[in-house]
Amino acid sequence: MEHKVFDIFLKSIFSIIEYTLGTKASEYSRGGDKLYNFKRAGEIRRCTPEMALWNMYIKHFTSVQDIVEGLERDGKLPPYEVLEEKFKDSINYHILLWALLKERIEKGDTK
């Protein structure tokens, strides 16, 4: 992929991610905390918010792995819209995990 084409692709990815995290955040937040659902899930599951997120993320990882394995096995890819959705979700979960870890560090909770 040429640099110029890749740069356009990258900008579109950032735009999609920014829109999704900005829009969906209101569905999953409470009291102004965008990370509320992971914190609450951690309480329910008796684990850290990070592990709660990671357990939810596995579903997205599995979808991407299935795409790669399907390409290897059958030489076929799903429609581009499916690829966009699966990769967007995976990238978003990494950003949300990063945010949880950043928040923990800022609070001085590194244990």
N, C-alpha and C. Protein backbone atom coordinates (compact mmCIF):
# COMPACT_ATOMS: atom_id res chain seq x y z
N MET A 1 0.85 -1.18 0.00
CA MET A 1 0.00 0.00 0.00
C MET A 1 0.90 1.24 0.00
N GLU A 2 0.60 2.15 -0.88
CA GLU A 2 1.39 3.38 -0.97
C GLU A 2 1.18 4.23 0.30
N HIS A 3 2.20 5.02 0.62
CA HIS A 3 2.15 5.87 1.81
C HIS A 3 0.92 6.76 1.83
N LYS A 4 0.63 7.38 0.72
CA LYS A 4 -0.50 8.30 0.64
C LYS A 4 -1.82 7.57 0.90
N VAL A 5 -1.98 6.41 0.32
CA VAL A 5 -3.19 5.61 0.52
C VAL A 5 -3.29 5.16 1.97
N PHE A 6 -2.15 4.74 2.53
CA PHE A 6 -2.13 4.32 3.93
C PHE A 6 -2.51 5.47 4.86
N ASP A 7 -1.99 6.66 4.59
CA ASP A 7 -2.29 7.83 5.42
C ASP A 7 -3.79 8.14 5.41
N ILE A 8 -4.41 8.03 4.27
CA ILE A 8 -5.86 8.24 4.16
C ILE A 8 -6.61 7.17 4.95
N PHE A 9 -6.17 5.93 4.80
CA PHE A 9 -6.74 4.80 5.55
C PHE A 9 -6.62 5.04 7.05
N LEU A 10 -5.45 5.46 7.50
CA LEU A 10 -5.21 5.71 8.92
C LEU A 10 -6.12 6.81 9.45
N LYS A 11 -6.25 7.89 8.70
CA LYS A 11 -7.13 8.99 9.12
C LYS A 11 -8.57 8.52 9.24
N SER A 12 -9.00 7.67 8.32
CA SER A 12 -10.37 7.17 8.39
C SER A 12 -10.56 6.27 9.62
N ILE A 13 -9.55 5.48 9.95
CA ILE A 13 -9.61 4.63 11.15
C ILE A 13 -9.74 5.50 12.39
N PHE A 14 -8.90 6.51 12.52
CA PHE A 14 -8.96 7.39 13.69
C PHE A 14 -10.33 8.06 13.80
N SER A 15 -10.88 8.45 12.68
CA SER A 15 -12.19 9.10 12.67
C SER A 15 -13.27 8.14 13.15
N ILE A 16 -13.23 6.92 12.66
CA ILE A 16 -14.21 5.90 13.07
C ILE A 16 -14.09 5.60 14.55
N ILE A 17 -12.86 5.45 15.03
CA ILE A 17 -12.63 5.13 16.44
C ILE A 17 -13.08 6.28 17.34
N GLU A 18 -12.73 7.48 16.96
CA GLU A 18 -13.13 8.65 17.75
C GLU A 18 -14.66 8.75 17.83
N TYR A 19 -15.32 8.53 16.72
CA TYR A 19 -16.78 8.58 16.70
C TYR A 19 -17.36 7.49 17.60
N THR A 20 -16.86 6.27 17.46
CA THR A 20 -17.39 5.14 18.22
C THR A 20 -17.16 5.33 19.71
N LEU A 21 -15.96 5.66 20.11
CA LEU A 21 -15.68 5.82 21.54
C LEU A 21 -16.42 7.03 22.11
N GLY A 22 -16.62 8.04 21.32
CA GLY A 22 -17.38 9.20 21.79
C GLY A 22 -18.86 8.91 21.90
N THR A 23 -19.42 8.20 20.92
CA THR A 23 -20.85 7.91 20.89
C THR A 23 -21.21 6.79 21.86
N LYS A 24 -20.53 5.68 21.74
CA LYS A 24 -20.85 4.52 22.58
C LYS A 24 -20.53 4.73 24.04
N ALA A 25 -19.60 5.62 24.31
CA ALA A 25 -19.19 5.87 25.69
C ALA A 25 -20.38 6.25 26.55
N SER A 26 -21.31 6.99 25.99
CA SER A 26 -22.47 7.41 26.78
C SER A 26 -23.36 6.22 27.14
N GLU A 27 -23.35 5.18 26.31
CA GLU A 27 -24.15 3.99 26.58
C GLU A 27 -23.59 3.18 27.75
N TYR A 28 -22.28 3.25 27.94
CA TYR A 28 -21.63 2.39 28.90
C TYR A 28 -21.09 3.13 30.12
N SER A 29 -21.38 4.42 30.23
CA SER A 29 -20.82 5.18 31.35
C SER A 29 -21.91 5.56 32.34
N ARG A 30 -21.47 5.83 33.54
CA ARG A 30 -22.36 6.33 34.59
C ARG A 30 -21.60 7.39 35.36
N GLY A 31 -22.29 8.40 35.77
CA GLY A 31 -21.67 9.44 36.59
C GLY A 31 -20.48 10.10 35.93
N GLY A 32 -20.47 10.16 34.61
CA GLY A 32 -19.37 10.79 33.90
C GLY A 32 -18.14 9.92 33.74
N ASP A 33 -18.20 8.67 34.17
CA ASP A 33 -17.04 7.77 34.08
C ASP A 33 -17.17 6.88 32.85
N LYS A 34 -16.36 7.15 31.85
CA LYS A 34 -16.41 6.36 30.60
C LYS A 34 -15.99 4.91 30.81
N LEU A 35 -15.33 4.63 31.90
CA LEU A 35 -14.83 3.27 32.16
C LEU A 35 -15.71 2.53 33.17
N TYR A 36 -16.86 3.10 33.49
CA TYR A 36 -17.75 2.55 34.52
C TYR A 36 -18.06 1.08 34.30
N ASN A 37 -18.45 0.70 33.09
CA ASN A 37 -18.88 -0.68 32.86
C ASN A 37 -17.81 -1.71 33.22
N PHE A 38 -16.57 -1.38 32.94
CA PHE A 38 -15.48 -2.32 33.26
C PHE A 38 -15.26 -2.39 34.76
N LYS A 39 -15.39 -1.26 35.41
CA LYS A 39 -15.23 -1.23 36.88
C LYS A 39 -16.36 -2.02 37.54
N ARG A 40 -17.56 -1.80 37.06
CA ARG A 40 -18.72 -2.51 37.62
C ARG A 40 -18.62 -4.01 37.31
N ALA A 41 -18.23 -4.35 36.10
CA ALA A 41 -18.07 -5.77 35.74
C ALA A 41 -17.01 -6.42 36.61
N GLY A 42 -15.93 -5.69 36.91
CA GLY A 42 -14.89 -6.22 37.80
C GLY A 42 -15.43 -6.49 39.18
N GLU A 43 -16.26 -5.59 39.68
CA GLU A 43 -16.89 -5.82 41.00
C GLU A 43 -17.76 -7.07 40.98
N ILE A 44 -18.57 -7.20 39.94
CA ILE A 44 -19.47 -8.35 39.84
C ILE A 44 -18.69 -9.65 39.71
N ARG A 45 -17.62 -9.64 38.90
CA ARG A 45 -16.84 -10.84 38.66
C ARG A 45 -15.72 -11.04 39.68
N ARG A 46 -15.59 -10.09 40.62
CA ARG A 46 -14.54 -10.14 41.65
C ARG A 46 -13.14 -10.20 41.03
N CYS A 47 -12.92 -9.28 40.11
CA CYS A 47 -11.61 -9.17 39.49
C CYS A 47 -11.35 -7.68 39.22
N THR A 48 -10.19 -7.37 38.72
CA THR A 48 -9.88 -5.97 38.41
C THR A 48 -10.70 -5.53 37.19
N PRO A 49 -10.92 -4.23 37.07
CA PRO A 49 -11.58 -3.74 35.85
C PRO A 49 -10.81 -4.13 34.59
N GLU A 50 -9.49 -4.17 34.71
CA GLU A 50 -8.66 -4.54 33.56
C GLU A 50 -8.92 -5.98 33.12
N MET A 51 -9.05 -6.88 34.09
CA MET A 51 -9.32 -8.28 33.75
C MET A 51 -10.74 -8.43 33.23
N ALA A 52 -11.67 -7.67 33.78
CA ALA A 52 -13.04 -7.69 33.26
C ALA A 52 -13.05 -7.27 31.80
N LEU A 53 -12.35 -6.18 31.48
CA LEU A 53 -12.24 -5.72 30.10
C LEU A 53 -11.60 -6.80 29.24
N TRP A 54 -10.51 -7.37 29.73
CA TRP A 54 -9.79 -8.38 28.95
C TRP A 54 -10.68 -9.56 28.63
N ASN A 55 -11.48 -9.98 29.60
CA ASN A 55 -12.39 -11.10 29.37
C ASN A 55 -13.44 -10.74 28.31
N MET A 56 -13.90 -9.51 28.30
CA MET A 56 -14.83 -9.06 27.26
C MET A 56 -14.13 -8.96 25.91
N TYR A 57 -12.88 -8.55 25.92
CA TYR A 57 -12.10 -8.36 24.70
C TYR A 57 -11.85 -9.69 23.97
N ILE A 58 -11.75 -10.78 24.70
CA ILE A 58 -11.43 -12.07 24.10
C ILE A 58 -12.40 -12.40 22.96
N LYS A 59 -13.65 -11.99 23.09
CA LYS A 59 -14.64 -12.21 22.04
C LYS A 59 -14.20 -11.52 20.74
N HIS A 60 -13.69 -10.31 20.87
CA HIS A 60 -13.25 -9.56 19.69
C HIS A 60 -11.97 -10.16 19.11
N PHE A 61 -11.06 -10.56 19.99
CA PHE A 61 -9.82 -11.21 19.53
C PHE A 61 -10.15 -12.48 18.76
N THR A 62 -11.08 -13.26 19.28
CA THR A 62 -11.47 -14.51 18.63
C THR A 62 -12.03 -14.25 17.24
N SER A 63 -12.82 -13.20 17.11
CA SER A 63 -13.37 -12.86 15.79
C SER A 63 -12.28 -12.53 14.79
N VAL A 64 -11.28 -11.76 15.22
CA VAL A 64 -10.18 -11.41 14.33
C VAL A 64 -9.36 -12.65 14.00
N GLN A 65 -9.12 -13.48 15.00
CA GLN A 65 -8.37 -14.72 14.76
C GLN A 65 -9.11 -15.60 13.75
N ASP A 66 -10.42 -15.69 13.87
CA ASP A 66 -11.20 -16.49 12.93
C ASP A 66 -11.09 -15.94 11.51
N ILE A 67 -11.03 -14.62 11.37
CA ILE A 67 -10.86 -14.01 10.04
C ILE A 67 -9.53 -14.43 9.44
N VAL A 68 -8.46 -14.33 10.23
CA VAL A 68 -7.13 -14.68 9.74
C VAL A 68 -7.04 -16.18 9.43
N GLU A 69 -7.58 -17.00 10.31
CA GLU A 69 -7.54 -18.45 10.08
C GLU A 69 -8.41 -18.84 8.88
N GLY A 70 -9.54 -18.15 8.70
CA GLY A 70 -10.40 -18.42 7.55
C GLY A 70 -9.70 -18.08 6.25
N LEU A 71 -8.95 -16.98 6.25
CA LEU A 71 -8.18 -16.60 5.06
C LEU A 71 -7.12 -17.65 4.76
N GLU A 72 -6.45 -18.11 5.80
CA GLU A 72 -5.41 -19.13 5.64
C GLU A 72 -6.01 -20.44 5.14
N ARG A 73 -7.13 -20.82 5.73
CA ARG A 73 -7.75 -22.11 5.42
C ARG A 73 -8.50 -22.09 4.09
N ASP A 74 -9.33 -21.06 3.87
CA ASP A 74 -10.24 -21.04 2.72
C ASP A 74 -9.86 -20.02 1.65
N GLY A 75 -8.94 -19.13 2.00
CA GLY A 75 -8.58 -18.07 1.06
C GLY A 75 -9.68 -17.03 0.89
N LYS A 76 -10.58 -16.94 1.88
CA LYS A 76 -11.71 -16.02 1.78
C LYS A 76 -11.70 -15.03 2.94
N LEU A 77 -12.20 -13.85 2.64
CA LEU A 77 -12.38 -12.80 3.64
C LEU A 77 -13.85 -12.45 3.74
N PRO A 78 -14.29 -12.02 4.92
CA PRO A 78 -15.67 -11.52 5.02
C PRO A 78 -15.77 -10.16 4.33
N PRO A 79 -16.96 -9.63 4.17
CA PRO A 79 -17.11 -8.29 3.57
C PRO A 79 -16.34 -7.25 4.37
N TYR A 80 -15.93 -6.17 3.68
CA TYR A 80 -15.12 -5.14 4.33
C TYR A 80 -15.81 -4.56 5.56
N GLU A 81 -17.13 -4.43 5.52
CA GLU A 81 -17.86 -3.89 6.67
C GLU A 81 -17.65 -4.75 7.91
N VAL A 82 -17.57 -6.04 7.73
CA VAL A 82 -17.33 -6.95 8.86
C VAL A 82 -15.91 -6.75 9.39
N LEU A 83 -14.94 -6.64 8.48
CA LEU A 83 -13.56 -6.38 8.90
C LEU A 83 -13.48 -5.09 9.69
N GLU A 84 -14.12 -4.04 9.18
CA GLU A 84 -14.09 -2.74 9.87
C GLU A 84 -14.64 -2.86 11.27
N GLU A 85 -15.75 -3.52 11.43
CA GLU A 85 -16.39 -3.66 12.74
C GLU A 85 -15.50 -4.44 13.71
N LYS A 86 -14.95 -5.55 13.25
CA LYS A 86 -14.14 -6.40 14.13
C LYS A 86 -12.84 -5.70 14.55
N PHE A 87 -12.17 -5.06 13.61
CA PHE A 87 -10.92 -4.38 13.95
C PHE A 87 -11.17 -3.13 14.77
N LYS A 88 -12.25 -2.41 14.48
CA LYS A 88 -12.61 -1.23 15.26
C LYS A 88 -12.82 -1.63 16.73
N ASP A 89 -13.57 -2.69 16.94
CA ASP A 89 -13.82 -3.15 18.31
C ASP A 89 -12.52 -3.53 19.00
N SER A 90 -11.65 -4.24 18.30
CA SER A 90 -10.38 -4.65 18.90
C SER A 90 -9.52 -3.44 19.28
N ILE A 91 -9.42 -2.49 18.38
CA ILE A 91 -8.62 -1.29 18.65
C ILE A 91 -9.23 -0.52 19.82
N ASN A 92 -10.55 -0.40 19.84
CA ASN A 92 -11.20 0.33 20.92
C ASN A 92 -10.95 -0.32 22.28
N TYR A 93 -10.98 -1.63 22.34
CA TYR A 93 -10.72 -2.30 23.61
C TYR A 93 -9.29 -2.06 24.09
N HIS A 94 -8.35 -2.00 23.17
CA HIS A 94 -6.97 -1.68 23.57
C HIS A 94 -6.88 -0.26 24.11
N ILE A 95 -7.57 0.66 23.48
CA ILE A 95 -7.56 2.05 23.97
C ILE A 95 -8.22 2.13 25.34
N LEU A 96 -9.32 1.43 25.53
CA LEU A 96 -10.00 1.45 26.83
C LEU A 96 -9.14 0.81 27.92
N LEU A 97 -8.44 -0.27 27.58
CA LEU A 97 -7.53 -0.88 28.55
C LEU A 97 -6.41 0.08 28.90
N TRP A 98 -5.87 0.74 27.92
CA TRP A 98 -4.82 1.73 28.14
C TRP A 98 -5.34 2.82 29.09
N ALA A 99 -6.58 3.26 28.87
CA ALA A 99 -7.18 4.30 29.72
C ALA A 99 -7.32 3.81 31.16
N LEU A 100 -7.77 2.57 31.34
CA LEU A 100 -7.87 2.02 32.69
C LEU A 100 -6.51 1.98 33.39
N LEU A 101 -5.49 1.54 32.67
CA LEU A 101 -4.15 1.46 33.25
C LEU A 101 -3.59 2.84 33.55
N LYS A 102 -3.83 3.79 32.65
CA LYS A 102 -3.38 5.17 32.87
C LYS A 102 -4.04 5.75 34.11
N GLU A 103 -5.34 5.53 34.25
CA GLU A 103 -6.07 6.02 35.41
C GLU A 103 -5.51 5.40 36.70
N ARG A 104 -5.22 4.12 36.66
CA ARG A 104 -4.66 3.43 37.84
C ARG A 104 -3.31 4.03 38.22
N ILE A 105 -2.46 4.26 37.24
CA ILE A 105 -1.13 4.84 37.49
C ILE A 105 -1.28 6.25 38.06
N GLU A 106 -2.17 7.04 37.49
CA GLU A 106 -2.37 8.41 37.96
C GLU A 106 -2.87 8.47 39.40
N LYS A 107 -3.60 7.42 39.82
CA LYS A 107 -4.08 7.34 41.21
C LYS A 107 -3.01 6.76 42.14
N GLY A 108 -1.89 6.36 41.56
CA GLY A 108 -0.80 5.78 42.37
C GLY A 108 -1.05 4.33 42.74
N ASP A 109 -2.01 3.69 42.09
CA ASP A 109 -2.37 2.30 42.37
C ASP A 109 -1.68 1.41 41.36
N THR A 110 -0.43 1.07 41.62
CA THR A 110 0.33 0.24 40.68
C THR A 110 0.57 -1.17 41.20
N LYS A 111 -0.14 -1.53 42.24
CA LYS A 111 0.04 -2.89 42.78
C LYS A 111 -0.70 -3.91 41.98
